[in-house]
Amino acid sequence: MKTLRALFLPLAVSAIALAAGCSNKQESASTAQSFDSAVSIHLRAIATANLEALDPTVGDSVTMISPLGDRTTTKTQFMELHKYWFSQTNWTWRPTILEKTHSDSLGYTLLKYRYTEKDSAGNIRSDDSYLVLIFKNSNAGWKLIHDQNTKIPVK
């Protein structure tokens, strides 16, 4: 069942993107540049714990699902969680983009990231996770509308 769920989201996003007319032939260079820029700004803001840079990349209605399965549905909740996280200084977050595609209206990015944290005793713990980010394009630019994390089990 977990395998089916893991496969469902990317398939659903692909179907949405196709329905929205996602095609490299249809997208303009400025749309691609804007999407790429929005993703870069968003990822850099997280990696550098910069709440002010993160804020303009997030939509007013954003769903976030944490690696533990916790769910938030508003920008306020999303930003409060990141405010707390960013106030901690004992972590690093290193993303690698695995896939990225978009239409004029929706964009999808799949990342794999390593999260490393040091506890007060100096012990280091690292986890790898997948992250799906979905952005929606509007008059205000590309805004994050969905953020889903899935922890990769240690084998």
Protein backbone atom coordinates (compact mmCIF):
# COMPACT_ATOMS: atom_id res chain seq x y z
CA MET A 1 0.00 0.00 0.00
CA LYS A 2 2.84 2.43 0.80
CA THR A 3 4.28 1.79 -2.67
CA LEU A 4 0.95 2.72 -4.26
CA ARG A 5 0.77 5.94 -2.25
CA ALA A 6 4.36 6.79 -3.14
CA LEU A 7 3.53 6.37 -6.81
CA PHE A 8 0.19 8.15 -6.69
CA LEU A 9 1.29 11.74 -6.02
CA PRO A 10 3.77 12.06 -8.88
CA LEU A 11 1.26 10.43 -11.22
CA ALA A 12 -1.49 12.78 -10.04
CA VAL A 13 0.76 15.81 -10.47
CA SER A 14 1.73 14.65 -13.95
CA ALA A 15 -1.94 14.26 -14.86
CA ILE A 16 -2.72 17.75 -13.53
CA ALA A 17 0.22 19.21 -15.43
CA LEU A 18 -0.86 17.48 -18.64
CA ALA A 19 -4.43 18.67 -18.18
CA ALA A 20 -3.08 22.18 -17.70
CA GLY A 21 -1.29 21.90 -21.04
CA CYS A 22 2.23 21.20 -19.83
CA SER A 23 4.46 20.93 -22.82
CA ASN A 24 7.94 22.20 -23.49
CA LYS A 25 6.68 23.45 -26.84
CA GLN A 26 3.95 25.57 -25.21
CA GLU A 27 5.90 27.22 -22.42
CA SER A 28 7.61 30.52 -22.89
CA ALA A 29 11.24 31.16 -21.95
CA SER A 30 10.14 33.82 -19.43
CA THR A 31 7.78 31.36 -17.72
CA ALA A 32 10.56 28.78 -17.46
CA GLN A 33 12.99 31.35 -16.11
CA SER A 34 10.44 32.62 -13.59
CA PHE A 35 9.65 29.09 -12.40
CA ASP A 36 13.32 28.15 -12.13
CA SER A 37 14.00 31.38 -10.26
CA ALA A 38 11.12 30.79 -7.83
CA VAL A 39 12.32 27.26 -7.08
CA SER A 40 15.90 28.47 -6.58
CA ILE A 41 14.85 31.29 -4.26
CA HIS A 42 12.63 28.93 -2.26
CA LEU A 43 15.33 26.27 -1.84
CA ARG A 44 18.04 28.81 -1.00
CA ALA A 45 15.75 30.39 1.63
CA ILE A 46 15.30 27.04 3.33
CA ALA A 47 18.97 26.04 3.14
CA THR A 48 20.00 29.40 4.65
CA ALA A 49 17.11 29.61 7.16
CA ASN A 50 15.97 32.92 5.66
CA LEU A 51 12.31 33.43 6.61
CA GLU A 52 12.06 36.80 4.83
CA ALA A 53 13.23 35.28 1.54
CA LEU A 54 10.92 32.27 1.97
CA ASP A 55 7.74 34.29 2.56
CA PRO A 56 7.19 35.66 -0.97
CA THR A 57 7.61 32.18 -2.49
CA VAL A 58 4.68 30.70 -0.51
CA GLY A 59 1.03 30.93 -1.52
CA ASP A 60 -1.71 32.04 0.88
CA SER A 61 -3.20 28.56 0.73
CA VAL A 62 -0.43 25.97 1.02
CA THR A 63 -0.61 22.38 2.14
CA MET A 64 2.46 20.94 3.82
CA ILE A 65 2.89 17.33 4.90
CA SER A 66 5.92 16.65 7.08
CA PRO A 67 8.04 13.47 7.00
CA LEU A 68 6.12 12.41 10.13
CA GLY A 69 2.75 12.87 8.45
CA ASP A 70 1.75 16.14 10.14
CA ARG A 71 -0.35 18.38 7.86
CA THR A 72 -0.77 22.15 7.70
CA THR A 73 -3.04 23.98 5.27
CA THR A 74 -2.36 27.71 5.61
CA LYS A 75 0.52 30.05 4.92
CA THR A 76 0.42 31.20 8.54
CA GLN A 77 0.92 27.63 9.79
CA PHE A 78 3.63 26.98 7.19
CA MET A 79 5.54 30.14 8.11
CA GLU A 80 5.21 29.56 11.89
CA LEU A 81 6.63 26.06 11.52
CA HIS A 82 9.54 27.41 9.47
CA LYS A 83 10.07 30.29 11.90
CA TYR A 84 10.54 27.78 14.72
CA TRP A 85 12.73 25.49 12.57
CA PHE A 86 14.88 28.37 11.34
CA SER A 87 15.44 29.59 14.92
CA GLN A 88 17.36 26.37 15.57
CA THR A 89 21.05 26.53 14.61
CA ASN A 90 21.96 22.85 14.89
CA TRP A 91 20.96 21.65 11.41
CA THR A 92 21.83 21.62 7.74
CA TRP A 93 19.59 20.88 4.77
CA ARG A 94 21.10 19.82 1.44
CA PRO A 95 18.67 19.37 -1.47
CA THR A 96 19.27 17.79 -4.86
CA ILE A 97 16.71 18.33 -7.63
CA LEU A 98 15.74 15.01 -9.24
CA GLU A 99 12.92 16.20 -11.51
CA LYS A 100 11.44 19.52 -12.51
CA THR A 101 8.68 20.32 -14.99
CA HIS A 102 6.03 22.98 -15.46
CA SER A 103 3.35 24.45 -17.66
CA ASP A 104 2.40 28.11 -17.76
CA SER A 105 0.23 27.61 -14.67
CA LEU A 106 1.66 24.73 -12.57
CA GLY A 107 5.16 23.61 -11.70
CA TYR A 108 6.41 20.41 -10.08
CA THR A 109 9.77 19.72 -8.48
CA LEU A 110 10.94 16.45 -6.91
CA LEU A 111 13.96 16.68 -4.64
CA LYS A 112 15.96 14.36 -2.47
CA TYR A 113 17.46 16.02 0.57
CA ARG A 114 19.70 15.21 3.47
CA TYR A 115 18.76 16.73 6.79
CA THR A 116 21.53 16.66 9.41
CA GLU A 117 21.05 17.67 13.02
CA LYS A 118 23.41 17.82 16.00
CA ASP A 119 21.96 17.31 19.48
CA SER A 120 23.17 19.07 22.65
CA ALA A 121 25.57 16.19 23.38
CA GLY A 122 27.19 16.61 19.96
CA ASN A 123 25.66 13.47 18.43
CA ILE A 124 24.90 13.84 14.73
CA ARG A 125 21.81 12.36 13.07
CA SER A 126 21.15 12.44 9.34
CA ASP A 127 18.00 11.52 7.45
CA ASP A 128 17.29 11.39 3.73
CA SER A 129 13.85 12.34 2.41
CA TYR A 130 12.02 13.07 -0.81
CA LEU A 131 10.29 16.41 -1.20
CA VAL A 132 7.59 17.22 -3.73
CA LEU A 133 6.97 20.92 -4.32
CA ILE A 134 4.08 22.17 -6.44
CA PHE A 135 3.98 25.83 -7.45
CA LYS A 136 1.11 27.73 -9.05
CA ASN A 137 1.67 30.69 -11.34
CA SER A 138 -0.52 33.76 -10.89
CA ASN A 139 -0.31 37.52 -11.37
CA ALA A 140 1.80 37.56 -8.18
CA GLY A 141 4.27 35.07 -9.68
CA TRP A 142 5.06 31.47 -8.81
CA LYS A 143 3.83 30.51 -5.33
CA LEU A 144 4.20 27.23 -3.46
CA ILE A 145 0.84 25.49 -2.98
CA HIS A 146 1.95 21.99 -1.91
CA ASP A 147 4.98 20.71 0.01
CA GLN A 148 5.15 17.00 0.77
CA ASN A 149 8.03 15.28 2.52
CA THR A 150 8.56 11.53 2.61
CA LYS A 151 11.32 10.07 4.76
CA ILE A 152 13.40 7.44 2.98
CA PRO A 153 13.72 4.38 5.21
CA VAL A 154 17.23 3.31 6.17
CA LYS A 155 17.97 -0.08 4.59
